[in-house]
């Protein structure tokens, strides 16, 4: 699992039929304090996340383990919205 922030949305009118109706969000990996790292990527949203949310994402074959992504051509899925993030006894993020 990776910590990421939802930074935008993606619209795709032409796509694999198994992805029709799925919300595609633009994410960017963060470090444990919520600071942006890495390149942006698109993930299927399985938990109704929104722009600005700090989320947990799964990648590769693990991304195809949710009810929404099973048997679909998916490499990244948002599977949780983070409410609180505590590092070394200090709360570094609270929704």
PDB file of N, CA and C in Angstrom:
ATOM      1  N   UNK A   1       0.838  -1.183   0.000  1.00  0.00           N
ATOM      2  CA  UNK A   1       0.000   0.000   0.000  1.00  0.00           C
ATOM      3  C   UNK A   1       0.880   1.242   0.000  1.00  0.00           C
ATOM      4  N   UNK A   2       0.386   2.267  -0.663  1.00  0.00           N
ATOM      5  CA  UNK A   2       1.071   3.547  -0.693  1.00  0.00           C
ATOM      6  C   UNK A   2       0.125   4.631  -0.189  1.00  0.00           C
ATOM      7  N   UNK A   3       0.693   5.656   0.443  1.00  0.00           N
ATOM      8  CA  UNK A   3      -0.073   6.836   0.837  1.00  0.00           C
ATOM      9  C   UNK A   3      -0.014   7.793  -0.342  1.00  0.00           C
ATOM     10  N   UNK A   4      -1.167   8.360  -0.703  1.00  0.00           N
ATOM     11  CA  UNK A   4      -1.220   9.294  -1.824  1.00  0.00           C
ATOM     12  C   UNK A   4      -2.260  10.368  -1.537  1.00  0.00           C
ATOM     13  N   UNK A   5      -2.158  11.469  -2.272  1.00  0.00           N
ATOM     14  CA  UNK A   5      -3.170  12.518  -2.207  1.00  0.00           C
ATOM     15  C   UNK A   5      -3.867  12.561  -3.561  1.00  0.00           C
ATOM     16  N   UNK A   6      -5.186  12.677  -3.530  1.00  0.00           N
ATOM     17  CA  UNK A   6      -5.950  12.834  -4.763  1.00  0.00           C
ATOM     18  C   UNK A   6      -5.776  14.275  -5.218  1.00  0.00           C
ATOM     19  N   UNK A   7      -5.222  14.447  -6.428  1.00  0.00           N
ATOM     20  CA  UNK A   7      -4.914  15.794  -6.914  1.00  0.00           C
ATOM     21  C   UNK A   7      -5.774  16.217  -8.104  1.00  0.00           C
ATOM     22  N   UNK A   8      -6.617  15.329  -8.587  1.00  0.00           N
ATOM     23  CA  UNK A   8      -7.464  15.702  -9.715  1.00  0.00           C
ATOM     24  C   UNK A   8      -8.326  14.552 -10.189  1.00  0.00           C
ATOM     25  N   UNK A   9      -9.060  14.811 -11.257  1.00  0.00           N
ATOM     26  CA  UNK A   9      -9.940  13.812 -11.834  1.00  0.00           C
ATOM     27  C   UNK A   9      -9.522  13.526 -13.269  1.00  0.00           C
ATOM     28  N   UNK A  10      -9.971  12.398 -13.782  1.00  0.00           N
ATOM     29  CA  UNK A  10      -9.679  12.009 -15.152  1.00  0.00           C
ATOM     30  C   UNK A  10     -10.994  11.625 -15.814  1.00  0.00           C
ATOM     31  N   UNK A  11     -11.206  12.115 -17.031  1.00  0.00           N
ATOM     32  CA  UNK A  11     -12.384  11.743 -17.805  1.00  0.00           C
ATOM     33  C   UNK A  11     -11.911  11.029 -19.054  1.00  0.00           C
ATOM     34  N   UNK A  12     -12.496   9.858 -19.305  1.00  0.00           N
ATOM     35  CA  UNK A  12     -12.152   9.078 -20.483  1.00  0.00           C
ATOM     36  C   UNK A  12     -13.435   8.513 -21.077  1.00  0.00           C
ATOM     37  N   UNK A  13     -13.851   9.038 -22.223  1.00  0.00           N
ATOM     38  CA  UNK A  13     -15.096   8.572 -22.833  1.00  0.00           C
ATOM     39  C   UNK A  13     -14.896   7.291 -23.637  1.00  0.00           C
ATOM     40  N   UNK A  14     -13.684   7.052 -24.106  1.00  0.00           N
ATOM     41  CA  UNK A  14     -13.383   5.828 -24.843  1.00  0.00           C
ATOM     42  C   UNK A  14     -12.433   5.000 -23.994  1.00  0.00           C
ATOM     43  N   UNK A  15     -12.906   3.829 -23.556  1.00  0.00           N
ATOM     44  CA  UNK A  15     -12.101   2.989 -22.669  1.00  0.00           C
ATOM     45  C   UNK A  15     -12.582   1.544 -22.756  1.00  0.00           C
ATOM     46  N   UNK A  16     -11.869   0.652 -22.130  1.00  0.00           N
ATOM     47  CA  UNK A  16     -12.272  -0.734 -22.061  1.00  0.00           C
ATOM     48  C   UNK A  16     -13.674  -0.805 -21.446  1.00  0.00           C
ATOM     49  N   UNK A  17     -14.559  -1.601 -22.038  1.00  0.00           N
ATOM     50  CA  UNK A  17     -15.932  -1.678 -21.525  1.00  0.00           C
ATOM     51  C   UNK A  17     -16.033  -2.028 -20.037  1.00  0.00           C
ATOM     52  N   UNK A  18     -15.072  -2.774 -19.503  1.00  0.00           N
ATOM     53  CA  UNK A  18     -15.136  -3.138 -18.084  1.00  0.00           C
ATOM     54  C   UNK A  18     -14.868  -1.950 -17.160  1.00  0.00           C
ATOM     55  N   UNK A  19     -14.412  -0.833 -17.718  1.00  0.00           N
ATOM     56  CA  UNK A  19     -14.142   0.361 -16.908  1.00  0.00           C
ATOM     57  C   UNK A  19     -15.251   1.403 -16.981  1.00  0.00           C
ATOM     58  N   UNK A  20     -16.254   1.136 -17.809  1.00  0.00           N
ATOM     59  CA  UNK A  20     -17.366   2.080 -17.921  1.00  0.00           C
ATOM     60  C   UNK A  20     -18.045   2.215 -16.559  1.00  0.00           C
ATOM     61  N   UNK A  21     -18.281   3.456 -16.157  1.00  0.00           N
ATOM     62  CA  UNK A  21     -18.932   3.729 -14.873  1.00  0.00           C
ATOM     63  C   UNK A  21     -17.985   3.821 -13.694  1.00  0.00           C
ATOM     64  N   UNK A  22     -16.697   3.606 -13.921  1.00  0.00           N
ATOM     65  CA  UNK A  22     -15.717   3.666 -12.831  1.00  0.00           C
ATOM     66  C   UNK A  22     -15.129   5.078 -12.743  1.00  0.00           C
ATOM     67  N   UNK A  23     -14.997   5.595 -11.518  1.00  0.00           N
ATOM     68  CA  UNK A  23     -14.405   6.919 -11.306  1.00  0.00           C
ATOM     69  C   UNK A  23     -12.886   6.794 -11.329  1.00  0.00           C
ATOM     70  N   UNK A  24     -12.249   7.606 -12.162  1.00  0.00           N
ATOM     71  CA  UNK A  24     -10.790   7.618 -12.302  1.00  0.00           C
ATOM     72  C   UNK A  24     -10.253   8.889 -11.664  1.00  0.00           C
ATOM     73  N   UNK A  25      -9.389   8.748 -10.672  1.00  0.00           N
ATOM     74  CA  UNK A  25      -8.829   9.909  -9.981  1.00  0.00           C
ATOM     75  C   UNK A  25      -7.324   9.985 -10.180  1.00  0.00           C
ATOM     76  N   UNK A  26      -6.824  11.195 -10.270  1.00  0.00           N
ATOM     77  CA  UNK A  26      -5.396  11.443 -10.399  1.00  0.00           C
ATOM     78  C   UNK A  26      -4.798  11.547  -9.001  1.00  0.00           C
ATOM     79  N   UNK A  27      -3.813  10.713  -8.724  1.00  0.00           N
ATOM     80  CA  UNK A  27      -3.182  10.650  -7.404  1.00  0.00           C
ATOM     81  C   UNK A  27      -1.694  10.960  -7.515  1.00  0.00           C
ATOM     82  N   UNK A  28      -1.133  11.369  -6.397  1.00  0.00           N
ATOM     83  CA  UNK A  28       0.313  11.554  -6.311  1.00  0.00           C
ATOM     84  C   UNK A  28       0.782  11.009  -4.978  1.00  0.00           C
ATOM     85  N   UNK A  29       1.750  10.121  -5.030  1.00  0.00           N
ATOM     86  CA  UNK A  29       2.274   9.508  -3.810  1.00  0.00           C
ATOM     87  C   UNK A  29       2.811  10.577  -2.870  1.00  0.00           C
ATOM     88  N   UNK A  30       2.662  10.340  -1.557  1.00  0.00           N
ATOM     89  CA  UNK A  30       3.196  11.250  -0.548  1.00  0.00           C
ATOM     90  C   UNK A  30       4.093  10.464   0.406  1.00  0.00           C
ATOM     91  N   UNK A  31       4.878  11.197   1.182  1.00  0.00           N
ATOM     92  CA  UNK A  31       5.642  10.528   2.235  1.00  0.00           C
ATOM     93  C   UNK A  31       4.752  10.409   3.464  1.00  0.00           C
ATOM     94  N   UNK A  32       5.314   9.955   4.575  1.00  0.00           N
ATOM     95  CA  UNK A  32       4.510   9.703   5.771  1.00  0.00           C
ATOM     96  C   UNK A  32       3.960  10.972   6.424  1.00  0.00           C
ATOM     97  N   UNK A  33       4.421  12.142   5.980  1.00  0.00           N
ATOM     98  CA  UNK A  33       3.882  13.393   6.521  1.00  0.00           C
ATOM     99  C   UNK A  33       2.864  14.035   5.581  1.00  0.00           C
ATOM    100  N   UNK A  34       2.648  13.428   4.426  1.00  0.00           N
ATOM    101  CA  UNK A  34       1.706  13.981   3.455  1.00  0.00           C
ATOM    102  C   UNK A  34       2.342  14.861   2.417  1.00  0.00           C
ATOM    103  N   UNK A  35       3.669  15.007   2.430  1.00  0.00           N
ATOM    104  CA  UNK A  35       4.380  15.815   1.427  1.00  0.00           C
ATOM    105  C   UNK A  35       4.484  15.026   0.121  1.00  0.00           C
ATOM    106  N   UNK A  36       4.207  15.691  -0.993  1.00  0.00           N
ATOM    107  CA  UNK A  36       4.190  15.037  -2.306  1.00  0.00           C
ATOM    108  C   UNK A  36       5.557  14.488  -2.696  1.00  0.00           C
ATOM    109  N   UNK A  37       5.544  13.283  -3.261  1.00  0.00           N
ATOM    110  CA  UNK A  37       6.730  12.650  -3.831  1.00  0.00           C
ATOM    111  C   UNK A  37       6.286  11.903  -5.076  1.00  0.00           C
ATOM    112  N   UNK A  38       7.198  11.604  -5.946  1.00  0.00           N
ATOM    113  CA  UNK A  38       6.859  10.779  -7.102  1.00  0.00           C
ATOM    114  C   UNK A  38       6.000  11.460  -8.139  1.00  0.00           C
ATOM    115  N   UNK A  39       5.675  10.675  -9.181  1.00  0.00           N
ATOM    116  CA  UNK A  39       4.892  11.166 -10.308  1.00  0.00           C
ATOM    117  C   UNK A  39       3.401  10.899 -10.100  1.00  0.00           C
ATOM    118  N   UNK A  40       2.564  11.714 -10.724  1.00  0.00           N
ATOM    119  CA  UNK A  40       1.117  11.456 -10.656  1.00  0.00           C
ATOM    120  C   UNK A  40       0.758  10.160 -11.383  1.00  0.00           C
ATOM    121  N   UNK A  41      -0.326   9.526 -10.957  1.00  0.00           N
ATOM    122  CA  UNK A  41      -0.834   8.326 -11.614  1.00  0.00           C
ATOM    123  C   UNK A  41      -2.349   8.295 -11.454  1.00  0.00           C
ATOM    124  N   UNK A  42      -3.001   7.513 -12.291  1.00  0.00           N
ATOM    125  CA  UNK A  42      -4.454   7.389 -12.257  1.00  0.00           C
ATOM    126  C   UNK A  42      -4.817   6.112 -11.501  1.00  0.00           C
ATOM    127  N   UNK A  43      -5.829   6.211 -10.640  1.00  0.00           N
ATOM    128  CA  UNK A  43      -6.305   5.057  -9.878  1.00  0.00           C
ATOM    129  C   UNK A  43      -7.830   5.002  -9.943  1.00  0.00           C
ATOM    130  N   UNK A  44      -8.344   3.788  -9.971  1.00  0.00           N
ATOM    131  CA  UNK A  44      -9.787   3.582  -9.869  1.00  0.00           C
ATOM    132  C   UNK A  44     -10.184   3.864  -8.419  1.00  0.00           C
ATOM    133  N   UNK A  45     -11.280   4.587  -8.231  1.00  0.00           N
ATOM    134  CA  UNK A  45     -11.753   4.914  -6.885  1.00  0.00           C
ATOM    135  C   UNK A  45     -12.798   3.895  -6.440  1.00  0.00           C
ATOM    136  N   UNK A  46     -12.495   3.134  -5.391  1.00  0.00           N
ATOM    137  CA  UNK A  46     -13.458   2.151  -4.889  1.00  0.00           C
ATOM    138  C   UNK A  46     -14.153   2.597  -3.602  1.00  0.00           C
ATOM    139  N   UNK A  47     -13.824   3.808  -3.112  1.00  0.00           N
ATOM    140  CA  UNK A  47     -14.357   4.243  -1.805  1.00  0.00           C
ATOM    141  C   UNK A  47     -14.953   5.651  -1.812  1.00  0.00           C
ATOM    142  N   UNK A  48     -15.224   6.212  -2.976  1.00  0.00           N
ATOM    143  CA  UNK A  48     -15.806   7.553  -3.100  1.00  0.00           C
ATOM    144  C   UNK A  48     -14.897   8.638  -2.526  1.00  0.00           C
ATOM    145  N   UNK A  49     -13.612   8.559  -2.840  1.00  0.00           N
ATOM    146  CA  UNK A  49     -12.648   9.597  -2.440  1.00  0.00           C
ATOM    147  C   UNK A  49     -12.870  10.845  -3.294  1.00  0.00           C
ATOM    148  N   UNK A  50     -12.263  11.945  -2.874  1.00  0.00           N
ATOM    149  CA  UNK A  50     -12.382  13.186  -3.625  1.00  0.00           C
ATOM    150  C   UNK A  50     -11.067  13.938  -3.669  1.00  0.00           C
ATOM    151  N   UNK A  51     -11.026  14.963  -4.490  1.00  0.00           N
ATOM    152  CA  UNK A  51      -9.824  15.781  -4.628  1.00  0.00           C
ATOM    153  C   UNK A  51      -9.451  16.360  -3.269  1.00  0.00           C
ATOM    154  N   UNK A  52      -8.181  16.239  -2.914  1.00  0.00           N
ATOM    155  CA  UNK A  52      -7.667  16.720  -1.638  1.00  0.00           C
ATOM    156  C   UNK A  52      -7.569  15.641  -0.573  1.00  0.00           C
ATOM    157  N   UNK A  53      -8.273  14.528  -0.757  1.00  0.00           N
ATOM    158  CA  UNK A  53      -8.219  13.451   0.236  1.00  0.00           C
ATOM    159  C   UNK A  53      -6.855  12.779   0.252  1.00  0.00           C
ATOM    160  N   UNK A  54      -6.426  12.378   1.442  1.00  0.00           N
ATOM    161  CA  UNK A  54      -5.250  11.528   1.613  1.00  0.00           C
ATOM    162  C   UNK A  54      -5.782  10.099   1.637  1.00  0.00           C
ATOM    163  N   UNK A  55      -5.208   9.240   0.801  1.00  0.00           N
ATOM    164  CA  UNK A  55      -5.767   7.903   0.593  1.00  0.00           C
ATOM    165  C   UNK A  55      -4.687   6.830   0.643  1.00  0.00           C
ATOM    166  N   UNK A  56      -5.137   5.574   0.750  1.00  0.00           N
ATOM    167  CA  UNK A  56      -4.259   4.421   0.596  1.00  0.00           C
ATOM    168  C   UNK A  56      -4.555   3.801  -0.754  1.00  0.00           C
ATOM    169  N   UNK A  57      -3.500   3.470  -1.497  1.00  0.00           N
ATOM    170  CA  UNK A  57      -3.673   2.854  -2.806  1.00  0.00           C
ATOM    171  C   UNK A  57      -2.927   1.525  -2.865  1.00  0.00           C
ATOM    172  N   UNK A  58      -3.467   0.616  -3.651  1.00  0.00           N
ATOM    173  CA  UNK A  58      -2.804  -0.661  -3.923  1.00  0.00           C
ATOM    174  C   UNK A  58      -2.463  -0.692  -5.402  1.00  0.00           C
ATOM    175  N   UNK A  59      -1.406  -1.418  -5.747  1.00  0.00           N
ATOM    176  CA  UNK A  59      -0.896  -1.411  -7.117  1.00  0.00           C
ATOM    177  C   UNK A  59      -0.637  -2.820  -7.616  1.00  0.00           C
ATOM    178  N   UNK A  60      -0.541  -2.946  -8.933  1.00  0.00           N
ATOM    179  CA  UNK A  60      -0.254  -4.235  -9.541  1.00  0.00           C
ATOM    180  C   UNK A  60      -1.400  -5.209  -9.337  1.00  0.00           C
ATOM    181  N   UNK A  61      -1.080  -6.482  -9.160  1.00  0.00           N
ATOM    182  CA  UNK A  61      -2.128  -7.496  -9.008  1.00  0.00           C
ATOM    183  C   UNK A  61      -2.981  -7.253  -7.767  1.00  0.00           C
ATOM    184  N   UNK A  62      -2.435  -6.610  -6.754  1.00  0.00           N
ATOM    185  CA  UNK A  62      -3.215  -6.283  -5.552  1.00  0.00           C
ATOM    186  C   UNK A  62      -4.342  -5.302  -5.866  1.00  0.00           C
ATOM    187  N   UNK A  63      -4.166  -4.470  -6.884  1.00  0.00           N
ATOM    188  CA  UNK A  63      -5.193  -3.497  -7.262  1.00  0.00           C
ATOM    189  C   UNK A  63      -6.439  -4.174  -7.814  1.00  0.00           C
ATOM    190  N   UNK A  64      -6.326  -5.423  -8.214  1.00  0.00           N
ATOM    191  CA  UNK A  64      -7.467  -6.142  -8.779  1.00  0.00           C
ATOM    192  C   UNK A  64      -8.162  -7.034  -7.747  1.00  0.00           C
ATOM    193  N   UNK A  65      -7.973  -6.744  -6.475  1.00  0.00           N
ATOM    194  CA  UNK A  65      -8.549  -7.564  -5.414  1.00  0.00           C
ATOM    195  C   UNK A  65      -9.792  -6.964  -4.774  1.00  0.00           C
ATOM    196  N   UNK A  66     -10.210  -5.761  -5.161  1.00  0.00           N
ATOM    197  CA  UNK A  66     -11.428  -5.178  -4.593  1.00  0.00           C
ATOM    198  C   UNK A  66     -12.635  -5.663  -5.393  1.00  0.00           C
ATOM    199  N   UNK A  67     -13.821  -5.512  -4.829  1.00  0.00           N
ATOM    200  CA  UNK A  67     -15.041  -5.909  -5.534  1.00  0.00           C
ATOM    201  C   UNK A  67     -15.197  -5.147  -6.848  1.00  0.00           C
ATOM    202  N   UNK A  68     -14.830  -3.875  -6.853  1.00  0.00           N
ATOM    203  CA  UNK A  68     -14.996  -3.028  -8.036  1.00  0.00           C
ATOM    204  C   UNK A  68     -13.968  -3.342  -9.125  1.00  0.00           C
ATOM    205  N   UNK A  69     -12.775  -3.744  -8.752  1.00  0.00           N
ATOM    206  CA  UNK A  69     -11.697  -3.906  -9.742  1.00  0.00           C
ATOM    207  C   UNK A  69     -11.439  -5.340 -10.163  1.00  0.00           C
ATOM    208  N   UNK A  70     -12.113  -6.293  -9.566  1.00  0.00           N
ATOM    209  CA  UNK A  70     -11.895  -7.706  -9.879  1.00  0.00           C
ATOM    210  C   UNK A  70     -12.065  -7.962 -11.380  1.00  0.00           C
ATOM    211  N   UNK A  71     -11.071  -8.618 -11.988  1.00  0.00           N
ATOM    212  CA  UNK A  71     -11.088  -8.993 -13.410  1.00  0.00           C
ATOM    213  C   UNK A  71     -11.168  -7.796 -14.352  1.00  0.00           C
ATOM    214  N   UNK A  72     -10.587  -6.680 -13.952  1.00  0.00           N
ATOM    215  CA  UNK A  72     -10.552  -5.481 -14.805  1.00  0.00           C
ATOM    216  C   UNK A  72      -9.091  -5.084 -15.035  1.00  0.00           C
ATOM    217  N   UNK A  73      -8.809  -4.403 -16.139  1.00  0.00           N
ATOM    218  CA  UNK A  73      -7.432  -4.008 -16.442  1.00  0.00           C
ATOM    219  C   UNK A  73      -6.997  -2.799 -15.615  1.00  0.00           C
ATOM    220  N   UNK A  74      -6.729  -3.030 -14.337  1.00  0.00           N
ATOM    221  CA  UNK A  74      -6.432  -1.960 -13.385  1.00  0.00           C
ATOM    222  C   UNK A  74      -5.063  -2.190 -12.763  1.00  0.00           C
ATOM    223  N   UNK A  75      -4.275  -1.123 -12.658  1.00  0.00           N
ATOM    224  CA  UNK A  75      -2.958  -1.208 -12.036  1.00  0.00           C
ATOM    225  C   UNK A  75      -2.881  -0.447 -10.713  1.00  0.00           C
ATOM    226  N   UNK A  76      -3.907   0.395 -10.431  1.00  0.00           N
ATOM    227  CA  UNK A  76      -3.916   1.147  -9.168  1.00  0.00           C
ATOM    228  C   UNK A  76      -5.360   1.353  -8.732  1.00  0.00           C
ATOM    229  N   UNK A  77      -5.605   1.205  -7.428  1.00  0.00           N
ATOM    230  CA  UNK A  77      -6.942   1.400  -6.881  1.00  0.00           C
ATOM    231  C   UNK A  77      -6.841   2.166  -5.559  1.00  0.00           C
ATOM    232  N   UNK A  78      -7.768   3.091  -5.367  1.00  0.00           N
ATOM    233  CA  UNK A  78      -7.908   3.755  -4.068  1.00  0.00           C
ATOM    234  C   UNK A  78      -8.829   2.869  -3.250  1.00  0.00           C
ATOM    235  N   UNK A  79      -8.313   2.369  -2.112  1.00  0.00           N
ATOM    236  CA  UNK A  79      -9.092   1.410  -1.323  1.00  0.00           C
ATOM    237  C   UNK A  79      -9.414   1.910   0.069  1.00  0.00           C
ATOM    238  N   UNK A  80      -8.907   3.096   0.447  1.00  0.00           N
ATOM    239  CA  UNK A  80      -9.216   3.663   1.757  1.00  0.00           C
ATOM    240  C   UNK A  80      -8.949   5.161   1.750  1.00  0.00           C
ATOM    241  N   UNK A  81      -9.775   5.896   2.477  1.00  0.00           N
ATOM    242  CA  UNK A  81      -9.536   7.322   2.717  1.00  0.00           C
ATOM    243  C   UNK A  81      -8.996   7.428   4.136  1.00  0.00           C
ATOM    244  N   UNK A  82      -7.871   8.110   4.293  1.00  0.00           N
ATOM    245  CA  UNK A  82      -7.224   8.229   5.606  1.00  0.00           C
ATOM    246  C   UNK A  82      -7.899   9.332   6.420  1.00  0.00           C
ATOM    247  N   UNK A  83      -8.291   8.985   7.646  1.00  0.00           N
ATOM    248  CA  UNK A  83      -8.866   9.972   8.568  1.00  0.00           C
ATOM    249  C   UNK A  83      -7.776  10.620   9.413  1.00  0.00           C
ATOM    250  N   UNK A  84      -6.869   9.787   9.928  1.00  0.00           N
ATOM    251  CA  UNK A  84      -5.782  10.262  10.777  1.00  0.00           C
ATOM    252  C   UNK A  84      -4.521   9.502  10.432  1.00  0.00           C
ATOM    253  N   UNK A  85      -3.404  10.210  10.433  1.00  0.00           N
ATOM    254  CA  UNK A  85      -2.104   9.587  10.189  1.00  0.00           C
ATOM    255  C   UNK A  85      -1.186   9.985  11.331  1.00  0.00           C
ATOM    256  N   UNK A  86      -0.710   8.989  12.062  1.00  0.00           N
ATOM    257  CA  UNK A  86       0.163   9.222  13.211  1.00  0.00           C
ATOM    258  C   UNK A  86       1.529   8.616  12.921  1.00  0.00           C
ATOM    259  N   UNK A  87       2.585   9.403  13.106  1.00  0.00           N
ATOM    260  CA  UNK A  87       3.952   8.953  12.874  1.00  0.00           C
ATOM    261  C   UNK A  87       4.772   9.226  14.125  1.00  0.00           C
ATOM    262  N   UNK A  88       5.398   8.180  14.659  1.00  0.00           N
ATOM    263  CA  UNK A  88       6.247   8.286  15.852  1.00  0.00           C
ATOM    264  C   UNK A  88       5.544   9.021  16.991  1.00  0.00           C
ATOM    265  N   UNK A  89       4.272   8.677  17.204  1.00  0.00           N
ATOM    266  CA  UNK A  89       3.519   9.247  18.319  1.00  0.00           C
ATOM    267  C   UNK A  89       2.937  10.617  18.080  1.00  0.00           C
ATOM    268  N   UNK A  90       3.141  11.209  16.892  1.00  0.00           N
ATOM    269  CA  UNK A  90       2.606  12.535  16.590  1.00  0.00           C
ATOM    270  C   UNK A  90       1.620  12.427  15.438  1.00  0.00           C
ATOM    271  N   UNK A  91       0.479  13.070  15.583  1.00  0.00           N
ATOM    272  CA  UNK A  91      -0.492  13.114  14.516  1.00  0.00           C
ATOM    273  C   UNK A  91       0.002  14.101  13.470  1.00  0.00           C
ATOM    274  N   UNK A  92       0.269  13.599  12.249  1.00  0.00           N
ATOM    275  CA  UNK A  92       0.778  14.465  11.183  1.00  0.00           C
ATOM    276  C   UNK A  92      -0.302  14.827  10.183  1.00  0.00           C
ATOM    277  N   UNK A  93      -1.448  14.135  10.260  1.00  0.00           N
ATOM    278  CA  UNK A  93      -2.580  14.448   9.391  1.00  0.00           C
ATOM    279  C   UNK A  93      -3.872  14.072  10.091  1.00  0.00           C
ATOM    280  N   UNK A  94      -4.831  14.964  10.018  1.00  0.00           N
ATOM    281  CA  UNK A  94      -6.181  14.695  10.513  1.00  0.00           C
ATOM    282  C   UNK A  94      -7.145  15.303   9.527  1.00  0.00           C
ATOM    283  N   UNK A  95      -8.111  14.508   9.081  1.00  0.00           N
ATOM    284  CA  UNK A  95      -9.066  14.974   8.088  1.00  0.00           C
ATOM    285  C   UNK A  95      -9.989  16.010   8.673  1.00  0.00           C
TER     286      UNK A  95
END
